[in-house]
Amino acid sequence: MTPESSVRVRIDPDLWFFAVPQHRVEQFELRYDGTATLGHLAESLGVPRTEVGPLLVDGVPATPAHQPRPGSTIEIGPVRRPQPVSPRFVLDVHLGKLARRLRLLGVDTAYRNDAADDELIAQAEREHRVLLTQDRGLLRRRALWAGGYVRGADPTRQLADVIDRFAPPLAPWTRCTACNGILAPVSKQDVLDEIESGTRRHYDEYARCRDCGQVYWRGAHARRINAIIRAARLAHPEIGP
């Protein structure tokens, strides 16, 4: 390839896992006829547009709509963190455990284990939610208004990644893990018939979901959740008290 028919591309190492192996290098030549935008180039290399951050052409910041000249050097960076977007999310069917943990932290999280891709995209736009997924193809859908790739193979790492990227305000113990409804305090007397005797002996503070009616108390997992909250707030003081 000649400079007149190609561009030099540098993909930030943080984005390499989206690219094919031969493009996971410091720099490579890419055939280019001068018509594609930077956004299209990034997507053609496997990087979903939701994951594209700062773009540089010959060291100068550029927008995804910019059409570089052949012979240019293009740099594709990751989204800067924390990312200022809506703190409301909708998760795909494979992220049920993450949805539960986000709700435990009071993050507005829509989730259904039978939602189709088109439904998720429509809900994200209708309710102004960020779609979280590990489906790269879903993030490339043109109809998607906002989304994010969730990193990590287990819920603990996934939760840390979401908090690090979006820094959503946390309000622990305020949402129902089953339906995402708001929890309201209730007296112990009001729930005596709905809890086990062991629970009655050890806990005095309870709440009920305003939507589905499920009863909650801070059980044995409270220490683990509080540790997650402390770590998140230490890393991101902006997420709230």
Protein backbone atom coordinates (compact mmCIF):
# COMPACT_ATOMS: atom_id res chain seq x y z
CA MET A 1 0.00 0.00 0.00
CA THR A 2 1.12 3.55 -0.70
CA PRO A 3 0.48 6.66 1.44
CA GLU A 4 -1.99 7.78 -1.24
CA SER A 5 -4.16 4.69 -0.67
CA SER A 6 -3.82 4.05 3.06
CA VAL A 7 -3.77 5.48 6.57
CA ARG A 8 -1.69 4.60 9.60
CA VAL A 9 -3.81 3.50 12.56
CA ARG A 10 -3.02 3.32 16.25
CA ILE A 11 -5.61 1.68 18.48
CA ASP A 12 -5.19 2.27 22.20
CA PRO A 13 -4.17 -0.99 23.93
CA ASP A 14 -7.26 -0.68 26.13
CA LEU A 15 -9.32 -1.38 22.99
CA TRP A 16 -7.18 -4.14 21.51
CA PHE A 17 -9.48 -6.95 22.61
CA PHE A 18 -12.13 -5.59 20.21
CA ALA A 19 -9.74 -5.81 17.25
CA VAL A 20 -8.55 -8.82 15.26
CA PRO A 21 -5.10 -10.14 16.35
CA GLN A 22 -3.16 -8.55 13.46
CA HIS A 23 -4.38 -5.11 14.55
CA ARG A 24 -3.30 -5.52 18.18
CA VAL A 25 -0.03 -3.75 17.52
CA GLU A 26 1.34 -0.29 18.12
CA GLN A 27 0.62 0.84 14.56
CA PHE A 28 -0.55 -0.69 11.26
CA GLU A 29 -1.36 0.35 7.72
CA LEU A 30 -4.98 0.25 6.56
CA ARG A 31 -6.20 0.54 2.99
CA TYR A 32 -8.26 3.71 2.67
CA ASP A 33 -9.81 5.59 -0.24
CA GLY A 34 -10.61 8.85 1.56
CA THR A 35 -14.38 8.40 1.83
CA ALA A 36 -15.01 6.70 5.19
CA THR A 37 -15.44 8.70 8.40
CA LEU A 38 -13.37 8.08 11.52
CA GLY A 39 -16.39 6.52 13.19
CA HIS A 40 -16.85 4.06 10.34
CA LEU A 41 -13.16 3.24 10.33
CA ALA A 42 -13.20 2.45 14.04
CA GLU A 43 -16.24 0.21 13.65
CA SER A 44 -14.72 -1.54 10.66
CA LEU A 45 -11.79 -2.43 12.92
CA GLY A 46 -14.13 -4.01 15.46
CA VAL A 47 -14.44 -1.16 17.97
CA PRO A 48 -18.14 -0.39 18.67
CA ARG A 49 -18.96 3.30 18.45
CA THR A 50 -20.07 3.25 22.11
CA GLU A 51 -16.47 2.43 23.09
CA VAL A 52 -14.74 5.05 20.95
CA GLY A 53 -13.36 7.98 22.88
CA PRO A 54 -10.91 10.68 21.75
CA LEU A 55 -9.93 10.56 18.08
CA LEU A 56 -6.78 12.16 16.70
CA VAL A 57 -5.76 12.75 13.09
CA ASP A 58 -2.07 13.63 12.80
CA GLY A 59 -2.17 14.60 16.46
CA VAL A 60 -5.18 16.93 16.11
CA PRO A 61 -8.53 16.10 17.83
CA ALA A 62 -11.28 15.15 15.37
CA THR A 63 -14.92 14.06 15.47
CA PRO A 64 -16.29 10.66 14.41
CA ALA A 65 -17.80 12.36 11.32
CA HIS A 66 -14.40 13.59 10.13
CA GLN A 67 -13.03 12.16 6.87
CA PRO A 68 -9.23 12.00 7.10
CA ARG A 69 -6.98 12.30 4.09
CA PRO A 70 -5.05 9.30 2.82
CA GLY A 71 -1.59 9.21 4.37
CA SER A 72 -2.85 10.45 7.75
CA THR A 73 -2.09 8.89 11.11
CA ILE A 74 -5.24 8.05 13.06
CA GLU A 75 -5.35 7.38 16.78
CA ILE A 76 -8.40 5.73 18.37
CA GLY A 77 -8.72 6.11 22.12
CA PRO A 78 -11.13 4.57 24.66
CA VAL A 79 -14.02 6.40 26.29
CA ARG A 80 -12.79 8.60 29.10
CA ARG A 81 -13.85 7.58 32.57
CA PRO A 82 -16.05 8.46 34.32
CA GLN A 83 -18.33 8.91 31.33
CA PRO A 84 -21.01 11.60 31.79
CA VAL A 85 -24.18 9.86 30.62
CA SER A 86 -27.58 8.97 32.06
CA PRO A 87 -27.21 7.03 35.35
CA ARG A 88 -30.09 4.75 34.32
CA PHE A 89 -29.38 1.39 32.72
CA VAL A 90 -30.98 -1.53 30.94
CA LEU A 91 -29.08 -4.84 30.87
CA ASP A 92 -29.23 -7.65 28.37
CA VAL A 93 -30.40 -11.15 29.30
CA HIS A 94 -26.91 -12.43 30.14
CA LEU A 95 -26.24 -9.91 32.92
CA GLY A 96 -28.84 -10.88 35.50
CA LYS A 97 -26.38 -11.16 38.41
CA LEU A 98 -24.95 -7.75 37.59
CA ALA A 99 -28.48 -6.29 37.49
CA ARG A 100 -29.14 -7.60 41.00
CA ARG A 101 -25.94 -6.06 42.36
CA LEU A 102 -26.60 -2.70 40.75
CA ARG A 103 -30.08 -2.68 42.29
CA LEU A 104 -28.60 -3.54 45.69
CA LEU A 105 -26.58 -0.34 45.35
CA GLY A 106 -29.70 1.64 44.47
CA VAL A 107 -28.85 2.10 40.77
CA ASP A 108 -31.91 2.33 38.49
CA THR A 109 -31.50 -0.92 36.52
CA ALA A 110 -34.06 -2.37 34.11
CA TYR A 111 -33.69 -6.10 33.41
CA ARG A 112 -35.74 -8.97 32.00
CA ASN A 113 -34.37 -12.44 31.35
CA ASP A 114 -36.49 -12.81 28.22
CA ALA A 115 -35.99 -9.43 26.53
CA ALA A 116 -35.16 -9.54 22.81
CA ASP A 117 -32.46 -7.30 21.34
CA ASP A 118 -34.96 -5.03 19.57
CA GLU A 119 -36.89 -4.60 22.83
CA LEU A 120 -33.74 -3.64 24.70
CA ILE A 121 -32.81 -1.01 22.13
CA ALA A 122 -36.34 0.42 22.12
CA GLN A 123 -36.46 0.52 25.92
CA ALA A 124 -33.06 2.22 26.12
CA GLU A 125 -34.28 5.04 23.88
CA ARG A 126 -37.79 5.27 25.32
CA GLU A 127 -36.62 5.44 28.94
CA HIS A 128 -33.31 7.21 28.27
CA ARG A 129 -31.26 4.30 29.59
CA VAL A 130 -27.75 3.16 28.74
CA LEU A 131 -27.74 -0.40 27.38
CA LEU A 132 -25.10 -2.54 29.08
CA THR A 133 -24.05 -5.73 27.31
CA GLN A 134 -21.18 -7.99 26.32
CA ASP A 135 -22.69 -8.44 22.85
CA ARG A 136 -20.49 -6.39 20.51
CA GLY A 137 -22.96 -6.77 17.66
CA LEU A 138 -25.71 -5.23 19.77
CA LEU A 139 -23.53 -2.20 20.47
CA ARG A 140 -23.09 -1.68 16.70
CA ARG A 141 -26.82 -1.35 16.07
CA ARG A 142 -27.56 2.06 14.55
CA ALA A 143 -30.82 2.44 16.49
CA LEU A 144 -29.00 2.30 19.84
CA TRP A 145 -28.80 5.77 21.38
CA ALA A 146 -26.31 4.90 24.17
CA GLY A 147 -24.57 1.77 25.35
CA GLY A 148 -21.51 0.32 27.01
CA TYR A 149 -19.52 -2.89 26.85
CA VAL A 150 -19.28 -4.52 30.27
CA ARG A 151 -15.84 -5.91 31.02
CA GLY A 152 -15.23 -8.88 33.26
CA ALA A 153 -16.28 -12.52 33.35
CA ASP A 154 -17.85 -12.48 36.81
CA PRO A 155 -20.39 -10.13 38.48
CA THR A 156 -17.85 -8.66 40.90
CA ARG A 157 -15.55 -7.46 38.13
CA GLN A 158 -18.49 -6.39 35.99
CA LEU A 159 -19.87 -4.25 38.80
CA ALA A 160 -16.48 -2.64 39.39
CA ASP A 161 -16.22 -1.86 35.68
CA VAL A 162 -19.68 -0.24 35.48
CA ILE A 163 -19.04 1.89 38.57
CA ASP A 164 -15.61 2.91 37.29
CA ARG A 165 -16.92 3.84 33.85
CA PHE A 166 -20.19 5.59 34.70
CA ALA A 167 -19.84 6.53 38.41
CA PRO A 168 -23.61 6.33 38.98
CA PRO A 169 -24.99 7.84 42.22
CA LEU A 170 -25.34 5.09 44.83
CA ALA A 171 -28.27 4.75 47.22
CA PRO A 172 -27.81 1.32 48.82
CA TRP A 173 -30.82 -0.64 50.10
CA THR A 174 -33.35 1.55 48.29
CA ARG A 175 -34.32 -0.67 45.31
CA CYS A 176 -35.92 -4.05 44.95
CA THR A 177 -33.49 -6.59 43.52
CA ALA A 178 -36.39 -8.48 41.94
CA CYS A 179 -38.22 -5.71 40.07
CA ASN A 180 -36.21 -2.47 40.50
CA GLY A 181 -39.02 -0.85 42.48
CA ILE A 182 -38.41 1.63 45.30
CA LEU A 183 -38.20 0.28 48.85
CA ALA A 184 -40.16 1.93 51.67
CA PRO A 185 -39.45 1.36 55.39
CA VAL A 186 -41.99 -0.77 57.26
CA SER A 187 -42.27 -1.72 60.89
CA LYS A 188 -41.26 -5.15 62.10
CA GLN A 189 -44.80 -5.70 63.31
CA ASP A 190 -46.13 -5.23 59.78
CA VAL A 191 -44.04 -8.07 58.35
CA LEU A 192 -44.04 -10.64 61.17
CA ASP A 193 -46.17 -13.06 59.18
CA GLU A 194 -43.83 -12.87 56.18
CA ILE A 195 -40.45 -13.58 57.76
CA GLU A 196 -38.86 -16.60 59.41
CA SER A 197 -38.44 -16.80 63.20
CA GLY A 198 -34.64 -16.60 62.90
CA THR A 199 -34.93 -13.40 60.91
CA ARG A 200 -37.31 -11.93 63.48
CA ARG A 201 -34.80 -12.63 66.26
CA HIS A 202 -31.81 -11.03 64.55
CA TYR A 203 -33.17 -8.06 62.59
CA ASP A 204 -35.38 -5.12 63.48
CA GLU A 205 -35.27 -2.89 60.36
CA TYR A 206 -37.30 -3.85 57.31
CA ALA A 207 -38.48 -2.42 54.02
CA ARG A 208 -41.06 -3.38 51.41
CA CYS A 209 -41.00 -2.87 47.65
CA ARG A 210 -43.71 -0.42 46.63
CA ASP A 211 -44.22 -2.26 43.34
CA CYS A 212 -44.07 -6.00 44.03
CA GLY A 213 -44.43 -6.08 47.82
CA GLN A 214 -41.29 -8.11 48.56
CA VAL A 215 -39.88 -7.65 52.07
CA TYR A 216 -36.21 -6.85 52.67
CA TRP A 217 -33.79 -6.70 55.59
CA ARG A 218 -30.03 -6.30 55.81
CA GLY A 219 -28.94 -9.89 56.07
CA ALA A 220 -25.61 -11.70 56.16
CA HIS A 221 -24.55 -10.27 52.79
CA ALA A 222 -24.69 -6.69 54.11
CA ARG A 223 -20.99 -6.66 55.05
CA ARG A 224 -19.97 -7.65 51.51
CA ILE A 225 -22.23 -5.07 49.91
CA ASN A 226 -20.99 -2.35 52.27
CA ALA A 227 -17.41 -3.23 51.30
CA ILE A 228 -18.31 -2.83 47.62
CA ILE A 229 -19.89 0.55 48.38
CA ARG A 230 -16.86 1.77 50.32
CA ALA A 231 -14.49 0.74 47.53
CA ALA A 232 -16.66 2.45 44.91
CA ARG A 233 -16.85 5.70 46.88
CA LEU A 234 -13.13 5.68 47.57
CA ALA A 235 -12.44 5.43 43.83
CA HIS A 236 -15.17 7.90 42.85
CA PRO A 237 -16.13 10.45 45.53
CA GLU A 238 -18.55 12.00 43.01
CA ILE A 239 -20.97 9.07 43.20
CA GLY A 240 -22.59 10.38 46.35
CA PRO A 241 -22.55 10.14 50.14
